[in-house]
């Protein structure tokens, strides 16, 4: 039993070393957000395995250069999300089943392979476009057209940052126009990753911008015509093209 206990302590210490080496210089950033984000990453990739016990608060604060209130805010968020449990005995990482049911969609998306992401987006957004073509009212169509006009203006002025945000807004408006709140909420949950992917694609290969705008116009035209099948096809073609570009520029490698 002593050997098992010592082995567990050694493993826990190794994970503690990995914890402190994996989280550095966060005091100069948005502390709570960065700490929360990195701890979730470390729990998800099992740098910090189920059952791992965190060092006491004093040690954590000292090693990370943060205040106790920041650490407690982070722990509170992790508990609310189902990643950790806190008792008088200490703070530990939950079992795999609890974690699996707690992981936010954006973190799953962040860790997924490009082919899996493409399949997910193709299924989700092609059906969203299909429903939007059936249900979109004049207000939503006008909003999509306004967003697309702004995207074209940003493209002309090489404003990649704004273009990327508007790209997501266009897709979100389609989801809202579908009339299904689950679709729009799912898309909103991965907003950061979608904006990041759009920005990366536009930044690394500006030649795709005109083609992307053409795809967006095709999707909008099908929705305006209330042609669900064409809207679905246009969206699926657009998503496929996005990830063909990503493979080519090796962004996810």
Protein backbone atom coordinates (compact mmCIF):
# COMPACT_ATOMS: atom_id res chain seq x y z
CA UNK A 1 0.00 0.00 0.00
CA UNK A 2 2.91 2.34 0.79
CA UNK A 3 4.31 1.82 -2.71
CA UNK A 4 0.95 2.68 -4.27
CA UNK A 5 0.63 5.76 -2.08
CA UNK A 6 4.13 6.92 -2.94
CA UNK A 7 3.49 6.32 -6.64
CA UNK A 8 0.32 8.37 -6.46
CA UNK A 9 2.15 11.18 -4.66
CA UNK A 10 4.92 11.17 -7.26
CA UNK A 11 2.37 11.27 -10.09
CA UNK A 12 0.52 14.11 -8.39
CA UNK A 13 3.79 16.04 -7.95
CA UNK A 14 4.66 15.53 -11.62
CA UNK A 15 1.28 16.94 -12.62
CA UNK A 16 1.85 19.88 -10.25
CA UNK A 17 5.19 20.57 -11.95
CA UNK A 18 3.43 20.41 -15.33
CA UNK A 19 0.73 22.73 -13.98
CA UNK A 20 3.16 25.46 -12.95
CA UNK A 21 5.33 25.12 -16.07
CA UNK A 22 2.25 25.22 -18.30
CA UNK A 23 0.86 28.42 -16.79
CA UNK A 24 3.35 31.26 -16.82
CA UNK A 25 3.23 35.03 -16.78
CA UNK A 26 -0.54 35.26 -16.52
CA UNK A 27 -0.37 38.19 -14.11
CA UNK A 28 0.09 40.55 -17.07
CA UNK A 29 -2.97 39.25 -18.90
CA UNK A 30 -6.71 38.97 -18.22
CA UNK A 31 -5.91 36.81 -15.23
CA UNK A 32 -9.06 34.89 -14.36
CA UNK A 33 -9.99 34.20 -17.99
CA UNK A 34 -6.49 33.03 -18.95
CA UNK A 35 -6.14 30.84 -15.86
CA UNK A 36 -9.57 29.30 -16.39
CA UNK A 37 -8.90 28.67 -20.07
CA UNK A 38 -5.52 27.05 -19.47
CA UNK A 39 -6.71 24.88 -16.59
CA UNK A 40 -9.57 23.58 -18.71
CA UNK A 41 -7.11 22.80 -21.51
CA UNK A 42 -4.85 20.93 -19.07
CA UNK A 43 -7.78 18.96 -17.65
CA UNK A 44 -9.10 18.14 -21.11
CA UNK A 45 -5.80 16.86 -22.46
CA UNK A 46 -5.21 15.08 -19.12
CA UNK A 47 -2.05 16.92 -18.20
CA UNK A 48 -4.07 17.10 -14.98
CA UNK A 49 -5.69 13.68 -14.74
CA UNK A 50 -8.91 12.69 -12.93
CA UNK A 51 -8.20 12.55 -9.20
CA UNK A 52 -5.34 15.05 -9.35
CA UNK A 53 -5.15 17.17 -6.18
CA UNK A 54 -4.14 20.80 -6.62
CA UNK A 55 -1.58 22.36 -4.28
CA UNK A 56 -3.00 24.47 -1.45
CA UNK A 57 -4.14 28.00 -2.22
CA UNK A 58 -1.02 29.66 -0.82
CA UNK A 59 1.25 27.56 -3.02
CA UNK A 60 -0.91 28.11 -6.12
CA UNK A 61 -0.98 31.88 -5.63
CA UNK A 62 2.75 32.04 -4.93
CA UNK A 63 3.76 29.94 -7.94
CA UNK A 64 1.39 31.66 -10.38
CA UNK A 65 1.83 35.20 -9.05
CA UNK A 66 -1.89 35.78 -8.58
CA UNK A 67 -4.19 36.87 -5.77
CA UNK A 68 -6.34 34.49 -3.76
CA UNK A 69 -9.56 36.10 -5.02
CA UNK A 70 -8.53 35.36 -8.62
CA UNK A 71 -7.79 31.74 -7.79
CA UNK A 72 -11.10 31.31 -5.96
CA UNK A 73 -13.04 32.89 -8.83
CA UNK A 74 -11.38 30.43 -11.19
CA UNK A 75 -12.11 27.47 -8.94
CA UNK A 76 -15.73 28.59 -8.59
CA UNK A 77 -16.10 28.64 -12.38
CA UNK A 78 -14.44 25.23 -12.73
CA UNK A 79 -16.77 23.76 -10.10
CA UNK A 80 -19.84 25.27 -11.77
CA UNK A 81 -18.73 23.73 -15.07
CA UNK A 82 -18.17 20.32 -13.47
CA UNK A 83 -14.40 20.07 -13.87
CA UNK A 84 -13.33 20.02 -10.21
CA UNK A 85 -14.60 19.30 -6.71
CA UNK A 86 -13.58 21.27 -3.61
CA UNK A 87 -13.78 19.84 -0.10
CA UNK A 88 -11.94 20.38 3.17
CA UNK A 89 -9.51 17.73 1.99
CA UNK A 90 -8.54 19.80 -1.06
CA UNK A 91 -9.35 20.60 -4.68
CA UNK A 92 -9.38 17.66 -7.09
CA UNK A 93 -10.06 17.03 -10.78
CA UNK A 94 -13.33 15.17 -11.34
CA UNK A 95 -13.70 11.75 -12.96
CA UNK A 96 -13.91 11.40 -16.75
CA UNK A 97 -17.69 10.92 -16.80
CA UNK A 98 -18.32 14.16 -14.93
CA UNK A 99 -15.87 16.03 -17.14
CA UNK A 100 -17.32 14.60 -20.36
CA UNK A 101 -20.75 15.93 -19.47
CA UNK A 102 -19.33 19.32 -18.48
CA UNK A 103 -17.03 20.27 -21.35
CA UNK A 104 -18.24 23.42 -23.14
CA UNK A 105 -18.75 22.95 -26.86
CA UNK A 106 -16.12 25.53 -27.76
CA UNK A 107 -13.43 23.51 -26.01
CA UNK A 108 -14.47 20.33 -27.80
CA UNK A 109 -14.39 22.27 -31.05
CA UNK A 110 -10.97 23.70 -30.24
CA UNK A 111 -9.47 20.23 -29.73
CA UNK A 112 -11.14 18.52 -32.70
CA UNK A 113 -9.56 17.40 -35.96
CA UNK A 114 -10.21 19.44 -39.08
CA UNK A 115 -12.26 16.71 -40.80
CA UNK A 116 -14.49 16.35 -37.74
CA UNK A 117 -15.00 20.11 -37.60
CA UNK A 118 -15.89 20.19 -41.29
CA UNK A 119 -18.43 17.39 -40.87
CA UNK A 120 -19.97 19.09 -37.85
CA UNK A 121 -20.25 22.51 -39.47
CA UNK A 122 -21.52 21.05 -42.73
CA UNK A 123 -24.33 19.16 -41.00
CA UNK A 124 -25.23 22.01 -38.66
CA UNK A 125 -25.02 24.97 -41.00
CA UNK A 126 -26.37 23.38 -44.16
CA UNK A 127 -29.54 22.42 -42.28
CA UNK A 128 -29.62 25.89 -40.73
CA UNK A 129 -29.51 27.46 -44.20
CA UNK A 130 -32.24 25.05 -45.35
CA UNK A 131 -34.56 26.18 -42.55
CA UNK A 132 -33.65 29.84 -43.01
CA UNK A 133 -34.69 29.64 -46.67
CA UNK A 134 -38.06 28.33 -45.51
CA UNK A 135 -38.61 30.69 -42.59
CA UNK A 136 -36.59 33.89 -43.01
CA UNK A 137 -38.69 37.03 -42.93
CA UNK A 138 -37.87 40.32 -44.64
CA UNK A 139 -36.18 41.67 -41.52
CA UNK A 140 -33.65 38.83 -41.35
CA UNK A 141 -33.02 38.97 -45.09
CA UNK A 142 -32.38 42.71 -44.88
CA UNK A 143 -29.97 42.13 -41.98
CA UNK A 144 -28.05 39.49 -43.96
CA UNK A 145 -27.80 41.84 -46.93
CA UNK A 146 -26.55 44.67 -44.72
CA UNK A 147 -23.91 42.42 -43.18
CA UNK A 148 -22.77 41.19 -46.58
CA UNK A 149 -22.50 44.78 -47.85
CA UNK A 150 -20.32 45.62 -44.84
CA UNK A 151 -18.20 42.53 -45.51
CA UNK A 152 -17.59 43.73 -49.06
CA UNK A 153 -16.62 47.16 -47.76
CA UNK A 154 -14.17 45.61 -45.28
CA UNK A 155 -12.68 43.48 -48.04
CA UNK A 156 -12.12 46.57 -50.20
CA UNK A 157 -10.33 48.24 -47.30
CA UNK A 158 -8.40 45.13 -46.24
CA UNK A 159 -9.99 45.24 -42.77
CA UNK A 160 -9.54 41.55 -41.95
CA UNK A 161 -10.48 41.87 -38.29
CA UNK A 162 -13.88 43.43 -38.97
CA UNK A 163 -14.44 41.12 -41.94
CA UNK A 164 -13.94 38.07 -39.72
CA UNK A 165 -16.43 39.32 -37.13
CA UNK A 166 -18.98 40.14 -39.82
CA UNK A 167 -18.47 36.70 -41.34
CA UNK A 168 -19.62 35.14 -38.08
CA UNK A 169 -22.49 37.64 -37.78
CA UNK A 170 -23.71 36.56 -41.22
CA UNK A 171 -23.75 32.89 -40.23
CA UNK A 172 -25.38 33.67 -36.89
CA UNK A 173 -28.13 35.69 -38.57
CA UNK A 174 -28.89 32.71 -40.80
CA UNK A 175 -29.17 30.57 -37.67
CA UNK A 176 -31.50 33.11 -36.06
CA UNK A 177 -33.58 33.22 -39.24
CA UNK A 178 -33.99 29.43 -39.06
CA UNK A 179 -36.33 29.94 -36.13
CA UNK A 180 -34.64 27.19 -34.12
CA UNK A 181 -32.98 28.60 -30.97
CA UNK A 182 -30.89 25.46 -30.49
CA UNK A 183 -29.15 26.09 -33.80
CA UNK A 184 -28.36 29.73 -33.02
CA UNK A 185 -27.22 28.91 -29.47
CA UNK A 186 -24.97 26.12 -30.73
CA UNK A 187 -23.38 28.49 -33.24
CA UNK A 188 -22.97 31.17 -30.56
CA UNK A 189 -21.22 28.64 -28.32
CA UNK A 190 -18.41 28.26 -30.85
CA UNK A 191 -18.30 31.91 -31.90
CA UNK A 192 -14.68 32.42 -30.85
CA UNK A 193 -13.44 29.46 -32.86
CA UNK A 194 -15.45 30.43 -35.94
CA UNK A 195 -14.16 34.01 -35.86
CA UNK A 196 -10.63 32.74 -35.32
CA UNK A 197 -10.85 30.36 -38.26
CA UNK A 198 -12.24 33.10 -40.53
CA UNK A 199 -9.52 35.53 -39.47
CA UNK A 200 -6.78 32.94 -39.98
CA UNK A 201 -8.01 31.99 -43.43
CA UNK A 202 -8.39 35.58 -44.61
CA UNK A 203 -5.07 36.65 -43.10
CA UNK A 204 -2.97 33.75 -44.35
CA UNK A 205 -4.47 33.68 -47.83
CA UNK A 206 -6.18 36.99 -48.78
CA UNK A 207 -6.89 35.59 -52.24
CA UNK A 208 -9.80 33.60 -50.79
CA UNK A 209 -11.73 36.71 -49.73
CA UNK A 210 -13.43 37.35 -53.08
CA UNK A 211 -14.38 33.70 -53.38
CA UNK A 212 -15.76 33.69 -49.84
CA UNK A 213 -17.89 36.74 -50.57
CA UNK A 214 -19.23 34.99 -53.65
CA UNK A 215 -20.20 31.96 -51.55
CA UNK A 216 -21.96 34.20 -49.03
CA UNK A 217 -23.85 35.89 -51.86
CA UNK A 218 -24.93 32.50 -53.24
CA UNK A 219 -26.26 31.49 -49.84
CA UNK A 220 -28.13 34.76 -49.44
CA UNK A 221 -29.60 34.56 -52.96
CA UNK A 222 -31.00 31.10 -52.19
CA UNK A 223 -32.52 32.32 -48.92
CA UNK A 224 -34.05 35.35 -50.66
CA UNK A 225 -35.53 32.98 -53.27
CA UNK A 226 -36.83 30.77 -50.44
CA UNK A 227 -35.12 27.80 -52.07
CA UNK A 228 -34.19 25.47 -49.17
CA UNK A 229 -32.38 22.86 -51.28
CA UNK A 230 -30.21 25.46 -53.01
CA UNK A 231 -29.46 27.22 -49.72
CA UNK A 232 -28.39 23.92 -48.17
CA UNK A 233 -26.16 23.11 -51.15
CA UNK A 234 -24.62 26.60 -51.20
CA UNK A 235 -23.78 26.43 -47.49
CA UNK A 236 -22.35 22.92 -47.75
CA UNK A 237 -20.18 23.99 -50.69
CA UNK A 238 -19.00 27.04 -48.75
CA UNK A 239 -18.03 25.02 -45.66
CA UNK A 240 -16.21 22.45 -47.79
CA UNK A 241 -14.25 25.19 -49.52
CA UNK A 242 -13.25 26.77 -46.19
CA UNK A 243 -11.57 23.64 -44.96
CA UNK A 244 -10.03 22.86 -48.31
CA UNK A 245 -8.23 26.18 -47.88
CA UNK A 246 -7.24 25.32 -44.30
CA UNK A 247 -5.73 22.05 -45.40
CA UNK A 248 -3.79 23.84 -48.10
CA UNK A 249 -2.33 26.48 -45.81
CA UNK A 250 -1.81 23.84 -43.08
CA UNK A 251 -3.33 26.09 -40.45
CA UNK A 252 -4.39 23.16 -38.27
CA UNK A 253 -1.18 21.18 -38.67
